Amino acid sequence: MEKTKILFVHQEITPYLDENPISSIGRNLPEGIQLKGKEIRIFMPRFGCINERRNQLHEVIRLSGMNLIINDTDHPLIIKVASIQKARMQIYFIDNDDFFTKRKSTVFDKDGVFFKDNDDRTIFFSRGVIETIRKLNWPPDIIHCNGWMSALIPIYIKKAFIDNPLFSDSKIVLSIYDDDFPKSFPAGFDKKMKMNGIVPKDVKNLRTTNFVNLMRNAVDFSDAIIFGSEKINPKLEEYVKSSGKPFLEYQSPENYVDAYNDFYDSLLKEEK
């Protein structure tokens, strides 16, 4: 019997970034799910503060070389990979010199200011993950999005790539955390992020793109939601509970691998 395939898209994973509750899930959840007998792939942004030499990142030439067009500008997509030997896991990194490599921090500059182009970086990361999975020709049964920088993947999969056989049966799980960002994206994000298949009503929540509205849009196009932090934005909690979609309450570090695995299985049973 073919293994269930889980695509993990994480904004933070330790040891590549400092350990915190979100990056810890990024490290331990995929390993735990792999030990349950499922096949996994893991993606994260290649933030410039990640030490390539220490973490032994190297470019995957056969996957790199594509240009992604954002706001009429070409941005080269570079794919790098590293391994966590102890867990027998490979991590794929979405990279670009201007968006990631040249900056020695994540989403805030050295003075704690939110990068003005985090909107472009979000588009690039989400599209980069999808294009790389297409090159790998790897059809995920579950796509689990973690962190707001992955929040466009649900709408892209469900609208722009729904006819692609790699994704037509994929279930999207969205984890919502207490990682609210302080400012709205610049005006026009709802137009900038569009791809073929996305119509104006699909992006009604993105006309003003603050954290809550970005995650509301992700909820709209996800199949199920997980509360990844003990406390999340109350507006989002209410939105999820009123959506009628399956959701899983916050799970403790001791329990979440088993709980998430059962949650994935329940979604796939619904499909059958």
C-alpha atoms as a PDB file:
ATOM      1  CA  MET A   1       0.000   0.000   0.000  1.00  0.00           C
ATOM      2  CA  GLU A   2       1.339   3.417  -0.964  1.00  0.00           C
ATOM      3  CA  LYS A   3       2.343   5.675   1.914  1.00  0.00           C
ATOM      4  CA  THR A   4       0.323   8.800   2.695  1.00  0.00           C
ATOM      5  CA  LYS A   5       2.282  11.862   1.563  1.00  0.00           C
ATOM      6  CA  ILE A   6       2.406  14.942   3.812  1.00  0.00           C
ATOM      7  CA  LEU A   7       3.858  18.245   2.607  1.00  0.00           C
ATOM      8  CA  PHE A   8       4.946  20.446   5.514  1.00  0.00           C
ATOM      9  CA  VAL A   9       5.398  24.150   4.787  1.00  0.00           C
ATOM     10  CA  HIS A  10       6.950  25.913   7.773  1.00  0.00           C
ATOM     11  CA  GLN A  11       8.045  29.485   8.284  1.00  0.00           C
ATOM     12  CA  GLU A  12      10.324  28.488  11.154  1.00  0.00           C
ATOM     13  CA  ILE A  13      12.270  25.321  11.898  1.00  0.00           C
ATOM     14  CA  THR A  14      14.903  24.790  14.568  1.00  0.00           C
ATOM     15  CA  PRO A  15      17.938  24.339  14.436  1.00  0.00           C
ATOM     16  CA  TYR A  16      18.010  26.648  11.404  1.00  0.00           C
ATOM     17  CA  LEU A  17      16.304  29.415  13.405  1.00  0.00           C
ATOM     18  CA  ASP A  18      16.175  30.031  17.149  1.00  0.00           C
ATOM     19  CA  GLU A  19      14.086  27.552  19.089  1.00  0.00           C
ATOM     20  CA  ASN A  20      10.588  28.668  20.093  1.00  0.00           C
ATOM     21  CA  PRO A  21       7.229  26.859  20.232  1.00  0.00           C
ATOM     22  CA  ILE A  22       6.605  27.363  16.479  1.00  0.00           C
ATOM     23  CA  SER A  23      10.082  26.388  15.256  1.00  0.00           C
ATOM     24  CA  SER A  24      10.043  23.406  17.603  1.00  0.00           C
ATOM     25  CA  ILE A  25       6.864  22.131  15.933  1.00  0.00           C
ATOM     26  CA  GLY A  26       8.586  22.656  12.584  1.00  0.00           C
ATOM     27  CA  ARG A  27      11.399  20.373  13.716  1.00  0.00           C
ATOM     28  CA  ASN A  28       9.554  17.691  15.684  1.00  0.00           C
ATOM     29  CA  LEU A  29       6.189  17.306  13.926  1.00  0.00           C
ATOM     30  CA  PRO A  30       7.532  16.063  10.565  1.00  0.00           C
ATOM     31  CA  GLU A  31       9.835  13.593  12.318  1.00  0.00           C
ATOM     32  CA  GLY A  32       6.961  12.279  14.421  1.00  0.00           C
ATOM     33  CA  ILE A  33       4.685  11.925  11.385  1.00  0.00           C
ATOM     34  CA  GLN A  34       7.443  10.164   9.446  1.00  0.00           C
ATOM     35  CA  LEU A  35       7.773   7.689  12.317  1.00  0.00           C
ATOM     36  CA  LYS A  36       4.034   7.028  11.940  1.00  0.00           C
ATOM     37  CA  GLY A  37       4.812   5.584   8.511  1.00  0.00           C
ATOM     38  CA  LYS A  38       3.975   8.556   6.307  1.00  0.00           C
ATOM     39  CA  GLU A  39       6.164  10.018   3.560  1.00  0.00           C
ATOM     40  CA  ILE A  40       7.098  13.659   4.098  1.00  0.00           C
ATOM     41  CA  ARG A  41       8.576  16.700   2.356  1.00  0.00           C
ATOM     42  CA  ILE A  42       9.479  19.857   4.307  1.00  0.00           C
ATOM     43  CA  PHE A  43       9.911  23.447   3.060  1.00  0.00           C
ATOM     44  CA  MET A  44      10.918  26.725   4.686  1.00  0.00           C
ATOM     45  CA  PRO A  45      12.310  30.113   3.584  1.00  0.00           C
ATOM     46  CA  ARG A  46      16.093  30.374   3.381  1.00  0.00           C
ATOM     47  CA  PHE A  47      16.366  33.432   5.610  1.00  0.00           C
ATOM     48  CA  GLY A  48      19.747  35.167   5.411  1.00  0.00           C
ATOM     49  CA  CYS A  49      20.476  34.579   9.098  1.00  0.00           C
ATOM     50  CA  ILE A  50      20.704  30.827   8.453  1.00  0.00           C
ATOM     51  CA  ASN A  51      24.349  29.792   8.398  1.00  0.00           C
ATOM     52  CA  GLU A  52      24.822  27.795   5.195  1.00  0.00           C
ATOM     53  CA  ARG A  53      28.190  26.319   6.103  1.00  0.00           C
ATOM     54  CA  ARG A  54      27.278  25.212   9.603  1.00  0.00           C
ATOM     55  CA  ASN A  55      23.965  23.741   8.464  1.00  0.00           C
ATOM     56  CA  GLN A  56      25.457  22.295   5.252  1.00  0.00           C
ATOM     57  CA  LEU A  57      22.975  23.817   2.816  1.00  0.00           C
ATOM     58  CA  HIS A  58      23.665  23.244  -0.844  1.00  0.00           C
ATOM     59  CA  GLU A  59      21.866  24.269  -4.011  1.00  0.00           C
ATOM     60  CA  VAL A  60      19.805  21.717  -5.938  1.00  0.00           C
ATOM     61  CA  ILE A  61      20.640  22.740  -9.495  1.00  0.00           C
ATOM     62  CA  ARG A  62      17.988  20.569 -11.138  1.00  0.00           C
ATOM     63  CA  LEU A  63      15.247  22.326  -9.139  1.00  0.00           C
ATOM     64  CA  SER A  64      16.619  25.870  -9.386  1.00  0.00           C
ATOM     65  CA  GLY A  65      16.675  28.201 -12.363  1.00  0.00           C
ATOM     66  CA  MET A  66      13.043  29.228 -12.698  1.00  0.00           C
ATOM     67  CA  ASN A  67      11.989  32.885 -12.564  1.00  0.00           C
ATOM     68  CA  LEU A  68       8.829  33.887 -10.698  1.00  0.00           C
ATOM     69  CA  ILE A  69       7.187  37.099 -11.887  1.00  0.00           C
ATOM     70  CA  ILE A  70       5.820  39.346  -9.149  1.00  0.00           C
ATOM     71  CA  ASN A  71       4.496  42.781 -10.060  1.00  0.00           C
ATOM     72  CA  ASP A  72       6.082  42.527 -13.542  1.00  0.00           C
ATOM     73  CA  THR A  73       9.532  41.793 -12.096  1.00  0.00           C
ATOM     74  CA  ASP A  74      11.440  38.525 -12.565  1.00  0.00           C
ATOM     75  CA  HIS A  75      12.810  36.935  -9.401  1.00  0.00           C
ATOM     76  CA  PRO A  76      15.126  33.882  -9.723  1.00  0.00           C
ATOM     77  CA  LEU A  77      14.032  30.879  -7.674  1.00  0.00           C
ATOM     78  CA  ILE A  78      16.881  29.035  -5.968  1.00  0.00           C
ATOM     79  CA  ILE A  79      16.284  25.746  -4.150  1.00  0.00           C
ATOM     80  CA  LYS A  80      18.668  24.590  -1.452  1.00  0.00           C
ATOM     81  CA  VAL A  81      18.556  21.503   0.714  1.00  0.00           C
ATOM     82  CA  ALA A  82      19.956  20.354   4.046  1.00  0.00           C
ATOM     83  CA  SER A  83      19.559  17.234   6.154  1.00  0.00           C
ATOM     84  CA  ILE A  84      18.825  16.598   9.802  1.00  0.00           C
ATOM     85  CA  GLN A  85      20.747  13.354   9.940  1.00  0.00           C
ATOM     86  CA  LYS A  86      19.473  12.194  13.311  1.00  0.00           C
ATOM     87  CA  ALA A  87      15.877  12.368  12.094  1.00  0.00           C
ATOM     88  CA  ARG A  88      16.636  11.235   8.517  1.00  0.00           C
ATOM     89  CA  MET A  89      14.853  14.319   7.179  1.00  0.00           C
ATOM     90  CA  GLN A  90      15.651  16.636   4.283  1.00  0.00           C
ATOM     91  CA  ILE A  91      14.628  20.284   4.408  1.00  0.00           C
ATOM     92  CA  TYR A  92      14.071  22.217   1.169  1.00  0.00           C
ATOM     93  CA  PHE A  93      14.811  25.939   1.339  1.00  0.00           C
ATOM     94  CA  ILE A  94      13.189  28.539  -0.929  1.00  0.00           C
ATOM     95  CA  ASP A  95      15.847  31.136  -1.685  1.00  0.00           C
ATOM     96  CA  ASN A  96      16.385  34.348  -3.628  1.00  0.00           C
ATOM     97  CA  ASP A  97      19.242  36.809  -3.183  1.00  0.00           C
ATOM     98  CA  ASP A  98      17.098  39.929  -2.804  1.00  0.00           C
ATOM     99  CA  PHE A  99      14.277  38.436  -0.734  1.00  0.00           C
ATOM    100  CA  PHE A 100      16.304  36.205   1.575  1.00  0.00           C
ATOM    101  CA  THR A 101      20.082  35.700   1.206  1.00  0.00           C
ATOM    102  CA  LYS A 102      21.194  39.328   1.532  1.00  0.00           C
ATOM    103  CA  ARG A 103      19.221  39.953   4.726  1.00  0.00           C
ATOM    104  CA  LYS A 104      20.630  38.716   8.001  1.00  0.00           C
ATOM    105  CA  SER A 105      17.264  38.453   9.709  1.00  0.00           C
ATOM    106  CA  THR A 106      13.814  36.968   9.121  1.00  0.00           C
ATOM    107  CA  VAL A 107      10.788  39.268   8.730  1.00  0.00           C
ATOM    108  CA  PHE A 108      12.067  42.239  10.772  1.00  0.00           C
ATOM    109  CA  ASP A 109      15.237  44.223  10.132  1.00  0.00           C
ATOM    110  CA  LYS A 110      18.013  44.709  12.721  1.00  0.00           C
ATOM    111  CA  ASP A 111      16.038  47.593  14.243  1.00  0.00           C
ATOM    112  CA  GLY A 112      12.887  45.510  14.613  1.00  0.00           C
ATOM    113  CA  VAL A 113      11.099  47.127  11.651  1.00  0.00           C
ATOM    114  CA  PHE A 114       8.775  44.907   9.581  1.00  0.00           C
ATOM    115  CA  PHE A 115      10.214  44.589   6.060  1.00  0.00           C
ATOM    116  CA  LYS A 116       8.191  46.638   3.569  1.00  0.00           C
ATOM    117  CA  ASP A 117       8.339  43.884   0.950  1.00  0.00           C
ATOM    118  CA  ASN A 118       7.172  41.029   3.188  1.00  0.00           C
ATOM    119  CA  ASP A 119       4.160  40.913   0.878  1.00  0.00           C
ATOM    120  CA  ASP A 120       6.389  40.080  -2.119  1.00  0.00           C
ATOM    121  CA  ARG A 121       8.375  37.614  -0.010  1.00  0.00           C
ATOM    122  CA  THR A 122       5.145  35.838   0.979  1.00  0.00           C
ATOM    123  CA  ILE A 123       4.062  35.532  -2.662  1.00  0.00           C
ATOM    124  CA  PHE A 124       7.511  34.299  -3.694  1.00  0.00           C
ATOM    125  CA  PHE A 125       7.743  31.708  -0.926  1.00  0.00           C
ATOM    126  CA  SER A 126       4.259  30.286  -1.505  1.00  0.00           C
ATOM    127  CA  ARG A 127       4.664  30.079  -5.271  1.00  0.00           C
ATOM    128  CA  GLY A 128       8.204  28.736  -4.907  1.00  0.00           C
ATOM    129  CA  VAL A 129       7.013  25.819  -2.785  1.00  0.00           C
ATOM    130  CA  ILE A 130       4.306  24.909  -5.303  1.00  0.00           C
ATOM    131  CA  GLU A 131       6.630  25.144  -8.316  1.00  0.00           C
ATOM    132  CA  THR A 132       9.230  22.976  -6.590  1.00  0.00           C
ATOM    133  CA  ILE A 133       6.675  20.300  -5.753  1.00  0.00           C
ATOM    134  CA  ARG A 134       5.668  20.353  -9.412  1.00  0.00           C
ATOM    135  CA  LYS A 135       9.290  19.805 -10.444  1.00  0.00           C
ATOM    136  CA  LEU A 136       9.578  16.964  -7.935  1.00  0.00           C
ATOM    137  CA  ASN A 137       6.368  15.486  -9.380  1.00  0.00           C
ATOM    138  CA  TRP A 138       5.319  14.575  -5.834  1.00  0.00           C
ATOM    139  CA  PRO A 139       1.519  14.594  -5.202  1.00  0.00           C
ATOM    140  CA  PRO A 140       0.805  15.402  -1.534  1.00  0.00           C
ATOM    141  CA  ASP A 141      -2.261  13.936   0.170  1.00  0.00           C
ATOM    142  CA  ILE A 142      -2.049  16.600   2.880  1.00  0.00           C
ATOM    143  CA  ILE A 143      -0.486  20.067   2.620  1.00  0.00           C
ATOM    144  CA  HIS A 144       0.084  21.454   6.120  1.00  0.00           C
ATOM    145  CA  CYS A 145       0.778  25.215   6.164  1.00  0.00           C
ATOM    146  CA  ASN A 146       2.487  26.714   9.216  1.00  0.00           C
ATOM    147  CA  GLY A 147       3.162  30.440   9.634  1.00  0.00           C
ATOM    148  CA  TRP A 148       1.652  33.423   7.822  1.00  0.00           C
ATOM    149  CA  MET A 149       4.307  33.368   5.082  1.00  0.00           C
ATOM    150  CA  SER A 150       2.656  30.153   3.834  1.00  0.00           C
ATOM    151  CA  ALA A 151      -0.849  31.659   3.911  1.00  0.00           C
ATOM    152  CA  LEU A 152      -1.234  32.036   0.139  1.00  0.00           C
ATOM    153  CA  ILE A 153      -0.689  28.349  -0.559  1.00  0.00           C
ATOM    154  CA  PRO A 154      -4.346  27.427   0.160  1.00  0.00           C
ATOM    155  CA  ILE A 155      -5.807  29.861  -2.397  1.00  0.00           C
ATOM    156  CA  TYR A 156      -3.146  29.043  -4.991  1.00  0.00           C
ATOM    157  CA  ILE A 157      -3.746  25.300  -4.669  1.00  0.00           C
ATOM    158  CA  LYS A 158      -7.550  25.535  -4.604  1.00  0.00           C
ATOM    159  CA  LYS A 159      -7.913  28.111  -7.387  1.00  0.00           C
ATOM    160  CA  ALA A 160      -4.820  28.429  -9.582  1.00  0.00           C
ATOM    161  CA  PHE A 161      -3.673  24.783  -9.475  1.00  0.00           C
ATOM    162  CA  ILE A 162      -6.895  22.894  -8.791  1.00  0.00           C
ATOM    163  CA  ASP A 163      -6.796  21.262 -12.248  1.00  0.00           C
ATOM    164  CA  ASN A 164      -3.216  20.095 -11.799  1.00  0.00           C
ATOM    165  CA  PRO A 165      -3.376  16.343 -11.081  1.00  0.00           C
ATOM    166  CA  LEU A 166      -0.623  16.696  -8.456  1.00  0.00           C
ATOM    167  CA  PHE A 167      -2.903  18.786  -6.257  1.00  0.00           C
ATOM    168  CA  SER A 168      -6.461  17.947  -7.305  1.00  0.00           C
ATOM    169  CA  ASP A 169      -6.954  15.558  -4.371  1.00  0.00           C
ATOM    170  CA  SER A 170      -4.792  17.366  -1.810  1.00  0.00           C
ATOM    171  CA  LYS A 171      -6.308  18.333   1.522  1.00  0.00           C
ATOM    172  CA  ILE A 172      -5.011  21.578   3.007  1.00  0.00           C
ATOM    173  CA  VAL A 173      -4.499  21.903   6.746  1.00  0.00           C
ATOM    174  CA  LEU A 174      -3.735  25.360   8.160  1.00  0.00           C
ATOM    175  CA  SER A 175      -2.117  25.870  11.553  1.00  0.00           C
ATOM    176  CA  ILE A 176      -2.785  29.281  13.088  1.00  0.00           C
ATOM    177  CA  TYR A 177      -0.297  30.597  15.638  1.00  0.00           C
ATOM    178  CA  ASP A 178       0.174  33.668  17.806  1.00  0.00           C
ATOM    179  CA  ASP A 179       2.620  35.108  15.242  1.00  0.00           C
ATOM    180  CA  ASP A 180       0.593  38.226  14.390  1.00  0.00           C
ATOM    181  CA  PHE A 181       2.565  40.837  12.473  1.00  0.00           C
ATOM    182  CA  PRO A 182       2.156  44.536  13.337  1.00  0.00           C
ATOM    183  CA  LYS A 183       1.388  46.292  10.050  1.00  0.00           C
ATOM    184  CA  SER A 184      -0.717  45.822   6.937  1.00  0.00           C
ATOM    185  CA  PHE A 185       0.870  44.919   3.619  1.00  0.00           C
ATOM    186  CA  PRO A 186       0.991  47.807   1.118  1.00  0.00           C
ATOM    187  CA  ALA A 187      -2.229  48.532  -0.786  1.00  0.00           C
ATOM    188  CA  GLY A 188      -2.818  46.469  -3.906  1.00  0.00           C
ATOM    189  CA  PHE A 189      -1.711  43.121  -2.486  1.00  0.00           C
ATOM    190  CA  ASP A 190      -5.005  41.553  -3.610  1.00  0.00           C
ATOM    191  CA  LYS A 191      -4.053  42.365  -7.222  1.00  0.00           C
ATOM    192  CA  LYS A 192      -0.331  41.611  -6.934  1.00  0.00           C
ATOM    193  CA  MET A 193      -0.802  38.063  -5.618  1.00  0.00           C
ATOM    194  CA  LYS A 194      -3.353  37.014  -8.265  1.00  0.00           C
ATOM    195  CA  MET A 195      -2.833  34.136 -10.667  1.00  0.00           C
ATOM    196  CA  ASN A 196      -5.060  32.682 -13.364  1.00  0.00           C
ATOM    197  CA  GLY A 197      -8.122  31.126 -11.776  1.00  0.00           C
ATOM    198  CA  ILE A 198      -8.371  33.651  -8.934  1.00  0.00           C
ATOM    199  CA  VAL A 199     -11.285  36.077  -9.219  1.00  0.00           C
ATOM    200  CA  PRO A 200     -12.025  39.242  -7.192  1.00  0.00           C
ATOM    201  CA  LYS A 201     -14.467  37.571  -4.780  1.00  0.00           C
ATOM    202  CA  ASP A 202     -11.734  35.082  -3.824  1.00  0.00           C
ATOM    203  CA  VAL A 203      -9.571  37.863  -2.421  1.00  0.00           C
ATOM    204  CA  LYS A 204     -12.195  39.951  -0.647  1.00  0.00           C
ATOM    205  CA  ASN A 205     -10.285  39.511   2.615  1.00  0.00           C
ATOM    206  CA  LEU A 206      -7.063  40.774   1.021  1.00  0.00           C
ATOM    207  CA  ARG A 207      -8.196  44.260   0.031  1.00  0.00           C
ATOM    208  CA  THR A 208      -6.690  45.373   3.337  1.00  0.00           C
ATOM    209  CA  THR A 209      -4.057  42.795   4.169  1.00  0.00           C
ATOM    210  CA  ASN A 210      -3.279  42.739   7.856  1.00  0.00           C
ATOM    211  CA  PHE A 211      -2.491  39.531   9.737  1.00  0.00           C
ATOM    212  CA  VAL A 212      -6.124  38.722  10.517  1.00  0.00           C
ATOM    213  CA  ASN A 213      -7.327  39.232   6.940  1.00  0.00           C
ATOM    214  CA  LEU A 214      -4.415  37.264   5.460  1.00  0.00           C
ATOM    215  CA  MET A 215      -5.216  34.320   7.724  1.00  0.00           C
ATOM    216  CA  ARG A 216      -8.965  34.632   7.096  1.00  0.00           C
ATOM    217  CA  ASN A 217      -8.263  34.182   3.399  1.00  0.00           C
ATOM    218  CA  ALA A 218      -6.144  31.136   4.197  1.00  0.00           C
ATOM    219  CA  VAL A 219      -9.005  29.703   6.280  1.00  0.00           C
ATOM    220  CA  ASP A 220     -11.418  30.245   3.366  1.00  0.00           C
ATOM    221  CA  PHE A 221      -9.384  27.949   1.099  1.00  0.00           C
ATOM    222  CA  SER A 222      -8.208  25.378   3.644  1.00  0.00           C
ATOM    223  CA  ASP A 223      -9.995  22.119   4.354  1.00  0.00           C
ATOM    224  CA  ALA A 224      -9.235  22.047   8.065  1.00  0.00           C
ATOM    225  CA  ILE A 225      -7.664  24.229  10.740  1.00  0.00           C
ATOM    226  CA  ILE A 226      -5.409  23.584  13.727  1.00  0.00           C
ATOM    227  CA  PHE A 227      -4.922  26.037  16.589  1.00  0.00           C
ATOM    228  CA  GLY A 228      -1.136  25.766  16.860  1.00  0.00           C
ATOM    229  CA  SER A 229      -0.741  28.137  19.809  1.00  0.00           C
ATOM    230  CA  GLU A 230      -2.533  28.022  23.118  1.00  0.00           C
ATOM    231  CA  LYS A 231      -3.894  31.505  22.476  1.00  0.00           C
ATOM    232  CA  ILE A 232      -4.556  32.854  18.991  1.00  0.00           C
ATOM    233  CA  ASN A 233      -6.123  36.091  17.798  1.00  0.00           C
ATOM    234  CA  PRO A 234      -9.741  35.998  19.068  1.00  0.00           C
ATOM    235  CA  LYS A 235     -11.050  37.303  15.727  1.00  0.00           C
ATOM    236  CA  LEU A 236      -9.469  34.342  13.963  1.00  0.00           C
ATOM    237  CA  GLU A 237     -10.687  31.873  16.558  1.00  0.00           C
ATOM    238  CA  GLU A 238     -14.245  33.121  16.033  1.00  0.00           C
ATOM    239  CA  TYR A 239     -13.830  33.063  12.233  1.00  0.00           C
ATOM    240  CA  VAL A 240     -12.627  29.465  12.249  1.00  0.00           C
ATOM    241  CA  LYS A 241     -15.382  28.261  14.555  1.00  0.00           C
ATOM    242  CA  SER A 242     -18.050  29.962  12.441  1.00  0.00           C
ATOM    243  CA  SER A 243     -16.643  28.542   9.186  1.00  0.00           C
ATOM    244  CA  GLY A 244     -18.068  25.066   9.770  1.00  0.00           C
ATOM    245  CA  LYS A 245     -14.733  23.504   8.815  1.00  0.00           C
ATOM    246  CA  PRO A 246     -13.101  20.745  10.878  1.00  0.00           C
ATOM    247  CA  PHE A 247     -10.714  22.221  13.425  1.00  0.00           C
ATOM    248  CA  LEU A 248      -8.440  20.874  16.099  1.00  0.00           C
ATOM    249  CA  GLU A 249      -7.957  22.741  19.354  1.00  0.00           C
ATOM    250  CA  TYR A 250      -4.493  23.452  20.712  1.00  0.00           C
ATOM    251  CA  GLN A 251      -2.553  20.314  21.605  1.00  0.00           C
ATOM    252  CA  SER A 252       0.270  20.120  24.142  1.00  0.00           C
ATOM    253  CA  PRO A 253       3.816  19.228  22.995  1.00  0.00           C
ATOM    254  CA  GLU A 254       3.364  15.772  24.506  1.00  0.00           C
ATOM    255  CA  ASN A 255       0.228  15.075  22.467  1.00  0.00           C
ATOM    256  CA  TYR A 256       0.353  16.941  19.172  1.00  0.00           C
ATOM    257  CA  VAL A 257       2.065  14.336  16.986  1.00  0.00           C
ATOM    258  CA  ASP A 258      -0.578  11.697  17.757  1.00  0.00           C
ATOM    259  CA  ALA A 259      -3.408  14.228  17.561  1.00  0.00           C
ATOM    260  CA  TYR A 260      -2.269  15.720  14.252  1.00  0.00           C
ATOM    261  CA  ASN A 261      -1.714  12.278  12.747  1.00  0.00           C
ATOM    262  CA  ASP A 262      -5.256  11.230  13.688  1.00  0.00           C
ATOM    263  CA  PHE A 263      -6.556  14.538  12.313  1.00  0.00           C
ATOM    264  CA  TYR A 264      -4.834  13.946   8.950  1.00  0.00           C
ATOM    265  CA  ASP A 265      -6.243  10.423   8.793  1.00  0.00           C
ATOM    266  CA  SER A 266      -9.763  11.647   9.546  1.00  0.00           C
ATOM    267  CA  LEU A 267      -9.607  14.123   6.649  1.00  0.00           C
ATOM    268  CA  LEU A 268      -8.426  11.467   4.226  1.00  0.00           C
ATOM    269  CA  LYS A 269     -11.153   9.059   5.375  1.00  0.00           C
ATOM    270  CA  GLU A 270     -13.748  11.752   4.597  1.00  0.00           C
ATOM    271  CA  GLU A 271     -12.385  11.863   1.036  1.00  0.00           C
ATOM    272  CA  LYS A 272     -12.876   8.129   0.632  1.00  0.00           C
END
